[in-house]
Amino acid sequence: MNVPGNPNQGVALYISRQASSLGRYVLEQLLYLLAGWIPTVVGIGLRALLYRLIMRMDGVAAIENGVRICFADQIQLGRNVYIDHGVYLHACPDGIAIADNTFVMHGSILHVYNFRDLPHAYIRIGRNSLIGEMNVLRGQGGITIGDRVYTAPLVQMLAVNHVFDDPTRPMAEQGITAEGIVVEDDVWIGAGAIITDGVRIGRGAVVAAGAVVTQDVPPHTVVGGVPARQLRTIEQNAAQPERSRQVHF
């Protein structure tokens, strides 16, 4: 990071964006150094014990080696939560909360990063959900995900957007909007889908792979395309289409 001026100011800025205080930074980094790299169930067991000193854990949580964590005191993990290799949790206030029996899979990024003092910056994930491989959740405007929500690999939920209406000003000076994203219970989001800021996805909805969702999705509705549009509704006892199965020997 290239910070002009006093080098001490650069170091202080770096630490302020990694932890709640210098003391917290030292404690968290020490524990990561001691236990963050250890593989297998031995490392999982040590982290389940030691990480209680720096984050809120309601029960036993399995955290694999190689997980990067910032602002650990703003993270809450429920019982039987699983955090896979290579996950990045950056939890500025109001932090990240992951409820019981939810998995966050390899390489996913859950990033609140609230250095603009936005009022609703957080990520909340409900029970029995699964965040697929390489997902990106940017929670500056707040992301709320319900129970039994499954996302496929490479899904993005981006609860932030740039203002760009004034052609005479640099975009970086025009600010951002952060309205938030809500995903209700029992939603399935297909691979590579993008959920943009300000969207609510209703209970039991399905988002097709590769869709770009820019408007609210009603409950029990299938949407797909760019931008996403309604493809059909999900009705009780509706006949399911037959799908061919190929068997390779």
C-alpha atoms as a PDB file:
ATOM      1  CA  MET A   1       0.000   0.000   0.000  1.00  0.00           C
ATOM      2  CA  ASN A   2       1.506   3.320  -1.108  1.00  0.00           C
ATOM      3  CA  VAL A   3       0.624   6.004   1.450  1.00  0.00           C
ATOM      4  CA  PRO A   4       2.285   9.432   1.066  1.00  0.00           C
ATOM      5  CA  GLY A   5       3.608  11.358   4.051  1.00  0.00           C
ATOM      6  CA  ASN A   6       4.605   9.996   7.428  1.00  0.00           C
ATOM      7  CA  PRO A   7       5.246   6.205   7.271  1.00  0.00           C
ATOM      8  CA  ASN A   8       3.821   5.872  10.778  1.00  0.00           C
ATOM      9  CA  GLN A   9       0.511   7.233   9.492  1.00  0.00           C
ATOM     10  CA  GLY A  10       0.519   4.553   6.816  1.00  0.00           C
ATOM     11  CA  VAL A  11       1.082   1.803   9.374  1.00  0.00           C
ATOM     12  CA  ALA A  12      -1.648   3.198  11.632  1.00  0.00           C
ATOM     13  CA  LEU A  13      -4.056   3.340   8.672  1.00  0.00           C
ATOM     14  CA  TYR A  14      -3.251  -0.259   7.751  1.00  0.00           C
ATOM     15  CA  ILE A  15      -3.855  -1.528  11.286  1.00  0.00           C
ATOM     16  CA  SER A  16      -7.082   0.462  11.595  1.00  0.00           C
ATOM     17  CA  ARG A  17      -8.409  -1.401   8.565  1.00  0.00           C
ATOM     18  CA  GLN A  18      -7.469  -4.819   9.918  1.00  0.00           C
ATOM     19  CA  ALA A  19      -8.673  -4.732  13.533  1.00  0.00           C
ATOM     20  CA  SER A  20     -10.636  -2.674  16.058  1.00  0.00           C
ATOM     21  CA  SER A  21      -7.509  -1.509  17.928  1.00  0.00           C
ATOM     22  CA  LEU A  22      -3.757  -2.036  18.087  1.00  0.00           C
ATOM     23  CA  GLY A  23      -4.181  -4.455  21.000  1.00  0.00           C
ATOM     24  CA  ARG A  24      -6.779  -6.451  19.087  1.00  0.00           C
ATOM     25  CA  TYR A  25      -4.546  -6.500  16.014  1.00  0.00           C
ATOM     26  CA  VAL A  26      -1.625  -7.921  17.993  1.00  0.00           C
ATOM     27  CA  LEU A  27      -3.790 -10.586  19.677  1.00  0.00           C
ATOM     28  CA  GLU A  28      -5.549 -11.655  16.494  1.00  0.00           C
ATOM     29  CA  GLN A  29      -2.351 -11.843  14.444  1.00  0.00           C
ATOM     30  CA  LEU A  30      -0.625 -13.829  17.195  1.00  0.00           C
ATOM     31  CA  LEU A  31      -3.378 -16.443  17.196  1.00  0.00           C
ATOM     32  CA  TYR A  32      -3.367 -16.645  13.395  1.00  0.00           C
ATOM     33  CA  LEU A  33       0.404 -17.158  13.510  1.00  0.00           C
ATOM     34  CA  LEU A  34       0.116 -19.884  16.130  1.00  0.00           C
ATOM     35  CA  ALA A  35      -2.894 -21.799  14.814  1.00  0.00           C
ATOM     36  CA  GLY A  36      -4.090 -20.400  11.499  1.00  0.00           C
ATOM     37  CA  TRP A  37      -1.815 -22.539   9.337  1.00  0.00           C
ATOM     38  CA  ILE A  38      -2.235 -25.951  11.010  1.00  0.00           C
ATOM     39  CA  PRO A  39      -4.026 -28.449   8.718  1.00  0.00           C
ATOM     40  CA  THR A  40      -6.331 -31.414   9.412  1.00  0.00           C
ATOM     41  CA  VAL A  41      -8.643 -31.930  12.348  1.00  0.00           C
ATOM     42  CA  VAL A  42      -5.807 -30.988  14.706  1.00  0.00           C
ATOM     43  CA  GLY A  43      -5.838 -27.431  13.385  1.00  0.00           C
ATOM     44  CA  ILE A  44      -9.631 -27.314  13.307  1.00  0.00           C
ATOM     45  CA  GLY A  45      -9.726 -28.344  16.957  1.00  0.00           C
ATOM     46  CA  LEU A  46      -7.126 -25.786  18.039  1.00  0.00           C
ATOM     47  CA  ARG A  47      -8.882 -22.971  16.199  1.00  0.00           C
ATOM     48  CA  ALA A  48     -12.231 -23.991  17.699  1.00  0.00           C
ATOM     49  CA  LEU A  49     -10.649 -23.367  21.113  1.00  0.00           C
ATOM     50  CA  LEU A  50      -8.281 -20.445  20.517  1.00  0.00           C
ATOM     51  CA  TYR A  51     -10.447 -18.349  18.239  1.00  0.00           C
ATOM     52  CA  ARG A  52     -12.989 -18.030  21.036  1.00  0.00           C
ATOM     53  CA  LEU A  53     -10.581 -15.453  22.447  1.00  0.00           C
ATOM     54  CA  ILE A  54     -11.110 -13.156  19.463  1.00  0.00           C
ATOM     55  CA  MET A  55     -14.587 -13.876  18.055  1.00  0.00           C
ATOM     56  CA  ARG A  56     -18.058 -14.830  19.258  1.00  0.00           C
ATOM     57  CA  MET A  57     -18.743 -18.541  18.837  1.00  0.00           C
ATOM     58  CA  ASP A  58     -22.035 -20.037  20.026  1.00  0.00           C
ATOM     59  CA  GLY A  59     -20.767 -23.597  19.785  1.00  0.00           C
ATOM     60  CA  VAL A  60     -18.169 -25.631  17.932  1.00  0.00           C
ATOM     61  CA  ALA A  61     -17.284 -24.145  14.524  1.00  0.00           C
ATOM     62  CA  ALA A  62     -14.909 -25.790  12.039  1.00  0.00           C
ATOM     63  CA  ILE A  63     -12.462 -23.281  10.533  1.00  0.00           C
ATOM     64  CA  GLU A  64      -9.995 -24.722   8.033  1.00  0.00           C
ATOM     65  CA  ASN A  65      -6.405 -23.540   7.738  1.00  0.00           C
ATOM     66  CA  GLY A  66      -5.663 -20.595   5.470  1.00  0.00           C
ATOM     67  CA  VAL A  67      -8.787 -18.605   6.377  1.00  0.00           C
ATOM     68  CA  ARG A  68      -8.090 -14.848   6.459  1.00  0.00           C
ATOM     69  CA  ILE A  69      -9.970 -12.864   9.121  1.00  0.00           C
ATOM     70  CA  CYS A  70     -10.104  -9.125   9.824  1.00  0.00           C
ATOM     71  CA  PHE A  71     -12.045  -7.536  12.706  1.00  0.00           C
ATOM     72  CA  ALA A  72     -12.553 -10.920  14.354  1.00  0.00           C
ATOM     73  CA  ASP A  73     -14.399  -9.314  17.287  1.00  0.00           C
ATOM     74  CA  GLN A  74     -17.161  -8.361  14.826  1.00  0.00           C
ATOM     75  CA  ILE A  75     -17.761 -11.959  13.709  1.00  0.00           C
ATOM     76  CA  GLN A  76     -20.315 -14.313  15.232  1.00  0.00           C
ATOM     77  CA  LEU A  77     -20.433 -18.004  14.300  1.00  0.00           C
ATOM     78  CA  GLY A  78     -23.265 -20.342  15.247  1.00  0.00           C
ATOM     79  CA  ARG A  79     -23.071 -24.030  16.083  1.00  0.00           C
ATOM     80  CA  ASN A  80     -21.585 -26.373  13.461  1.00  0.00           C
ATOM     81  CA  VAL A  81     -20.608 -23.571  11.091  1.00  0.00           C
ATOM     82  CA  TYR A  82     -17.981 -24.635   8.548  1.00  0.00           C
ATOM     83  CA  ILE A  83     -15.496 -22.165   7.022  1.00  0.00           C
ATOM     84  CA  ASP A  84     -13.512 -23.729   4.164  1.00  0.00           C
ATOM     85  CA  HIS A  85      -9.936 -23.148   2.968  1.00  0.00           C
ATOM     86  CA  GLY A  86      -9.150 -19.751   1.499  1.00  0.00           C
ATOM     87  CA  VAL A  87     -12.232 -17.927   2.787  1.00  0.00           C
ATOM     88  CA  TYR A  88     -11.789 -14.201   3.546  1.00  0.00           C
ATOM     89  CA  LEU A  89     -13.935 -12.653   6.291  1.00  0.00           C
ATOM     90  CA  HIS A  90     -13.583  -8.872   6.631  1.00  0.00           C
ATOM     91  CA  ALA A  91     -16.053  -7.732   9.250  1.00  0.00           C
ATOM     92  CA  CYS A  92     -16.111  -4.008   9.959  1.00  0.00           C
ATOM     93  CA  PRO A  93     -19.004  -3.043  12.282  1.00  0.00           C
ATOM     94  CA  ASP A  94     -21.788  -4.204  12.245  1.00  0.00           C
ATOM     95  CA  GLY A  95     -19.872  -7.261  11.193  1.00  0.00           C
ATOM     96  CA  ILE A  96     -20.636 -10.759   9.967  1.00  0.00           C
ATOM     97  CA  ALA A  97     -23.008 -13.253  11.588  1.00  0.00           C
ATOM     98  CA  ILE A  98     -23.340 -16.841  10.327  1.00  0.00           C
ATOM     99  CA  ALA A  99     -26.015 -18.989  11.954  1.00  0.00           C
ATOM    100  CA  ASP A 100     -26.057 -22.685  12.880  1.00  0.00           C
ATOM    101  CA  ASN A 101     -25.161 -25.426  10.379  1.00  0.00           C
ATOM    102  CA  THR A 102     -24.176 -23.056   7.570  1.00  0.00           C
ATOM    103  CA  PHE A 103     -21.187 -23.703   5.275  1.00  0.00           C
ATOM    104  CA  VAL A 104     -19.019 -21.090   3.552  1.00  0.00           C
ATOM    105  CA  MET A 105     -17.052 -22.865   0.855  1.00  0.00           C
ATOM    106  CA  HIS A 106     -13.561 -22.500  -0.597  1.00  0.00           C
ATOM    107  CA  GLY A 107     -12.343 -19.101  -1.732  1.00  0.00           C
ATOM    108  CA  SER A 108     -15.442 -17.101  -0.837  1.00  0.00           C
ATOM    109  CA  ILE A 109     -15.120 -13.448   0.193  1.00  0.00           C
ATOM    110  CA  LEU A 110     -17.465 -11.923   2.765  1.00  0.00           C
ATOM    111  CA  HIS A 111     -16.443  -8.290   2.898  1.00  0.00           C
ATOM    112  CA  VAL A 112     -18.196  -5.522   4.819  1.00  0.00           C
ATOM    113  CA  TYR A 113     -15.356  -2.943   4.594  1.00  0.00           C
ATOM    114  CA  ASN A 114     -17.260   0.003   6.077  1.00  0.00           C
ATOM    115  CA  PHE A 115     -14.839   2.927   6.139  1.00  0.00           C
ATOM    116  CA  ARG A 116     -17.462   5.465   4.999  1.00  0.00           C
ATOM    117  CA  ASP A 117     -19.523   5.079   8.207  1.00  0.00           C
ATOM    118  CA  LEU A 118     -22.494   3.655   6.322  1.00  0.00           C
ATOM    119  CA  PRO A 119     -25.418   2.966   8.691  1.00  0.00           C
ATOM    120  CA  HIS A 120     -26.326  -0.584   7.581  1.00  0.00           C
ATOM    121  CA  ALA A 121     -23.049  -2.314   6.724  1.00  0.00           C
ATOM    122  CA  TYR A 122     -23.192  -6.003   7.650  1.00  0.00           C
ATOM    123  CA  ILE A 123     -23.633  -9.573   6.394  1.00  0.00           C
ATOM    124  CA  ARG A 124     -26.150 -11.900   8.068  1.00  0.00           C
ATOM    125  CA  ILE A 125     -26.552 -15.522   6.945  1.00  0.00           C
ATOM    126  CA  GLY A 126     -29.253 -17.791   8.376  1.00  0.00           C
ATOM    127  CA  ARG A 127     -29.335 -21.435   9.396  1.00  0.00           C
ATOM    128  CA  ASN A 128     -28.637 -24.488   7.209  1.00  0.00           C
ATOM    129  CA  SER A 129     -27.429 -22.402   4.269  1.00  0.00           C
ATOM    130  CA  LEU A 130     -24.514 -22.897   1.913  1.00  0.00           C
ATOM    131  CA  ILE A 131     -22.380 -20.194   0.314  1.00  0.00           C
ATOM    132  CA  GLY A 132     -20.733 -21.843  -2.693  1.00  0.00           C
ATOM    133  CA  GLU A 133     -17.153 -21.757  -3.876  1.00  0.00           C
ATOM    134  CA  MET A 134     -15.679 -18.390  -4.897  1.00  0.00           C
ATOM    135  CA  ASN A 135     -18.737 -16.339  -3.935  1.00  0.00           C
ATOM    136  CA  VAL A 136     -18.282 -12.600  -3.346  1.00  0.00           C
ATOM    137  CA  LEU A 137     -20.535 -10.823  -0.828  1.00  0.00           C
ATOM    138  CA  ARG A 138     -19.939  -7.065  -0.483  1.00  0.00           C
ATOM    139  CA  GLY A 139     -22.020  -5.893   2.458  1.00  0.00           C
ATOM    140  CA  GLN A 140     -21.604  -2.107   2.608  1.00  0.00           C
ATOM    141  CA  GLY A 141     -25.375  -1.631   2.322  1.00  0.00           C
ATOM    142  CA  GLY A 142     -26.197  -4.751   4.339  1.00  0.00           C
ATOM    143  CA  ILE A 143     -26.785  -8.296   3.093  1.00  0.00           C
ATOM    144  CA  THR A 144     -29.380 -10.473   4.807  1.00  0.00           C
ATOM    145  CA  ILE A 145     -29.585 -14.125   3.726  1.00  0.00           C
ATOM    146  CA  GLY A 146     -32.258 -16.389   5.169  1.00  0.00           C
ATOM    147  CA  ASP A 147     -32.404 -20.042   6.181  1.00  0.00           C
ATOM    148  CA  ARG A 148     -31.758 -22.918   3.737  1.00  0.00           C
ATOM    149  CA  VAL A 149     -30.357 -20.639   1.037  1.00  0.00           C
ATOM    150  CA  TYR A 150     -27.977 -22.334  -1.388  1.00  0.00           C
ATOM    151  CA  THR A 151     -25.666 -20.491  -3.758  1.00  0.00           C
ATOM    152  CA  ALA A 152     -23.647 -22.182  -6.505  1.00  0.00           C
ATOM    153  CA  PRO A 153     -20.019 -21.253  -7.306  1.00  0.00           C
ATOM    154  CA  LEU A 154     -19.078 -17.736  -8.448  1.00  0.00           C
ATOM    155  CA  VAL A 155     -22.227 -15.985  -7.218  1.00  0.00           C
ATOM    156  CA  GLN A 156     -21.837 -12.270  -6.432  1.00  0.00           C
ATOM    157  CA  MET A 157     -24.016 -10.166  -4.129  1.00  0.00           C
ATOM    158  CA  LEU A 158     -22.944  -6.530  -4.307  1.00  0.00           C
ATOM    159  CA  ALA A 159     -24.763  -4.279  -1.839  1.00  0.00           C
ATOM    160  CA  VAL A 160     -23.005  -1.136  -3.046  1.00  0.00           C
ATOM    161  CA  ASN A 161     -22.943   0.936  -6.225  1.00  0.00           C
ATOM    162  CA  HIS A 162     -21.088   3.963  -7.559  1.00  0.00           C
ATOM    163  CA  VAL A 163     -22.724   7.289  -8.387  1.00  0.00           C
ATOM    164  CA  PHE A 164     -21.688   8.415 -11.879  1.00  0.00           C
ATOM    165  CA  ASP A 165     -24.313  10.965 -12.994  1.00  0.00           C
ATOM    166  CA  ASP A 166     -22.010  14.015 -13.174  1.00  0.00           C
ATOM    167  CA  PRO A 167     -19.671  13.828 -16.206  1.00  0.00           C
ATOM    168  CA  THR A 168     -17.653  16.825 -14.944  1.00  0.00           C
ATOM    169  CA  ARG A 169     -16.483  15.098 -11.750  1.00  0.00           C
ATOM    170  CA  PRO A 170     -14.288  12.032 -11.247  1.00  0.00           C
ATOM    171  CA  MET A 171     -16.384   9.009 -10.351  1.00  0.00           C
ATOM    172  CA  ALA A 172     -14.427   8.506  -7.151  1.00  0.00           C
ATOM    173  CA  GLU A 173     -15.671  11.901  -5.912  1.00  0.00           C
ATOM    174  CA  GLN A 174     -19.356  11.290  -6.615  1.00  0.00           C
ATOM    175  CA  GLY A 175     -19.947   8.886  -3.751  1.00  0.00           C
ATOM    176  CA  ILE A 176     -21.765   5.584  -3.562  1.00  0.00           C
ATOM    177  CA  THR A 177     -25.200   4.198  -2.856  1.00  0.00           C
ATOM    178  CA  ALA A 178     -25.738   1.241  -0.517  1.00  0.00           C
ATOM    179  CA  GLU A 179     -29.377   0.141  -0.280  1.00  0.00           C
ATOM    180  CA  GLY A 180     -28.817  -3.466   0.759  1.00  0.00           C
ATOM    181  CA  ILE A 181     -29.751  -6.939  -0.468  1.00  0.00           C
ATOM    182  CA  VAL A 182     -32.229  -9.373   1.092  1.00  0.00           C
ATOM    183  CA  VAL A 183     -32.456 -13.068   0.164  1.00  0.00           C
ATOM    184  CA  GLU A 184     -35.389 -14.750   1.891  1.00  0.00           C
ATOM    185  CA  ASP A 185     -35.588 -18.411   3.016  1.00  0.00           C
ATOM    186  CA  ASP A 186     -35.320 -21.429   0.686  1.00  0.00           C
ATOM    187  CA  VAL A 187     -33.747 -19.642  -2.263  1.00  0.00           C
ATOM    188  CA  TRP A 188     -31.450 -21.301  -4.824  1.00  0.00           C
ATOM    189  CA  ILE A 189     -29.019 -19.084  -6.760  1.00  0.00           C
ATOM    190  CA  GLY A 190     -27.272 -20.632  -9.758  1.00  0.00           C
ATOM    191  CA  ALA A 191     -23.629 -20.452 -10.750  1.00  0.00           C
ATOM    192  CA  GLY A 192     -22.247 -17.080 -11.785  1.00  0.00           C
ATOM    193  CA  ALA A 193     -25.394 -15.110 -10.940  1.00  0.00           C
ATOM    194  CA  ILE A 194     -25.006 -11.475  -9.873  1.00  0.00           C
ATOM    195  CA  ILE A 195     -27.375  -9.822  -7.394  1.00  0.00           C
ATOM    196  CA  THR A 196     -27.143  -6.033  -7.502  1.00  0.00           C
ATOM    197  CA  ASP A 197     -27.753  -3.485  -4.770  1.00  0.00           C
ATOM    198  CA  GLY A 198     -31.316  -2.795  -3.647  1.00  0.00           C
ATOM    199  CA  VAL A 199     -32.722  -6.209  -4.642  1.00  0.00           C
ATOM    200  CA  ARG A 200     -34.957  -8.503  -2.570  1.00  0.00           C
ATOM    201  CA  ILE A 201     -35.306 -12.153  -3.607  1.00  0.00           C
ATOM    202  CA  GLY A 202     -38.517 -13.699  -2.311  1.00  0.00           C
ATOM    203  CA  ARG A 203     -38.912 -16.957  -0.447  1.00  0.00           C
ATOM    204  CA  GLY A 204     -38.562 -20.109  -2.521  1.00  0.00           C
ATOM    205  CA  ALA A 205     -37.311 -18.297  -5.633  1.00  0.00           C
ATOM    206  CA  VAL A 206     -34.728 -19.650  -8.064  1.00  0.00           C
ATOM    207  CA  VAL A 207     -32.150 -17.537  -9.892  1.00  0.00           C
ATOM    208  CA  ALA A 208     -30.765 -19.214 -13.009  1.00  0.00           C
ATOM    209  CA  ALA A 209     -27.051 -19.534 -13.663  1.00  0.00           C
ATOM    210  CA  GLY A 210     -25.492 -16.415 -15.142  1.00  0.00           C
ATOM    211  CA  ALA A 211     -28.456 -14.157 -14.382  1.00  0.00           C
ATOM    212  CA  VAL A 212     -27.957 -10.495 -13.478  1.00  0.00           C
ATOM    213  CA  VAL A 213     -30.711  -9.572 -11.028  1.00  0.00           C
ATOM    214  CA  THR A 214     -31.455  -5.836 -10.985  1.00  0.00           C
ATOM    215  CA  GLN A 215     -35.065  -5.915  -9.691  1.00  0.00           C
ATOM    216  CA  ASP A 216     -36.950  -7.676  -6.893  1.00  0.00           C
ATOM    217  CA  VAL A 217     -37.831 -11.338  -7.459  1.00  0.00           C
ATOM    218  CA  PRO A 218     -41.290 -12.444  -6.248  1.00  0.00           C
ATOM    219  CA  PRO A 219     -41.557 -15.537  -4.047  1.00  0.00           C
ATOM    220  CA  HIS A 220     -41.601 -18.954  -5.778  1.00  0.00           C
ATOM    221  CA  THR A 221     -40.480 -17.521  -9.092  1.00  0.00           C
ATOM    222  CA  VAL A 222     -37.737 -18.619 -11.489  1.00  0.00           C
ATOM    223  CA  VAL A 223     -35.769 -15.786 -13.096  1.00  0.00           C
ATOM    224  CA  GLY A 224     -32.925 -15.795 -15.606  1.00  0.00           C
ATOM    225  CA  GLY A 225     -31.152 -13.732 -18.230  1.00  0.00           C
ATOM    226  CA  VAL A 226     -29.350 -10.393 -18.453  1.00  0.00           C
ATOM    227  CA  PRO A 227     -31.027  -8.478 -16.999  1.00  0.00           C
ATOM    228  CA  ALA A 228     -33.012 -11.179 -15.235  1.00  0.00           C
ATOM    229  CA  ARG A 229     -36.685 -11.600 -16.107  1.00  0.00           C
ATOM    230  CA  GLN A 230     -39.363 -13.981 -14.905  1.00  0.00           C
ATOM    231  CA  LEU A 231     -39.271 -17.382 -16.598  1.00  0.00           C
ATOM    232  CA  ARG A 232     -42.015 -19.171 -14.679  1.00  0.00           C
ATOM    233  CA  THR A 233     -43.650 -19.559 -11.306  1.00  0.00           C
ATOM    234  CA  ILE A 234     -43.194 -22.566  -9.043  1.00  0.00           C
ATOM    235  CA  GLU A 235     -46.585 -24.105  -8.321  1.00  0.00           C
ATOM    236  CA  GLN A 236     -47.510 -26.829  -5.859  1.00  0.00           C
ATOM    237  CA  ASN A 237     -47.918 -30.295  -7.401  1.00  0.00           C
ATOM    238  CA  ALA A 238     -46.902 -29.023 -10.831  1.00  0.00           C
ATOM    239  CA  ALA A 239     -45.672 -31.753 -13.173  1.00  0.00           C
ATOM    240  CA  GLN A 240     -41.891 -31.902 -13.324  1.00  0.00           C
ATOM    241  CA  PRO A 241     -40.253 -32.115 -16.761  1.00  0.00           C
ATOM    242  CA  GLU A 242     -38.471 -35.370 -17.522  1.00  0.00           C
ATOM    243  CA  ARG A 243     -34.720 -35.085 -17.720  1.00  0.00           C
ATOM    244  CA  SER A 244     -32.549 -37.520 -19.601  1.00  0.00           C
ATOM    245  CA  ARG A 245     -29.681 -39.113 -17.740  1.00  0.00           C
ATOM    246  CA  GLN A 246     -26.441 -40.169 -19.382  1.00  0.00           C
ATOM    247  CA  VAL A 247     -24.480 -42.985 -17.842  1.00  0.00           C
ATOM    248  CA  HIS A 248     -20.823 -43.402 -18.763  1.00  0.00           C
ATOM    249  CA  PHE A 249     -18.911 -46.599 -18.151  1.00  0.00           C
END
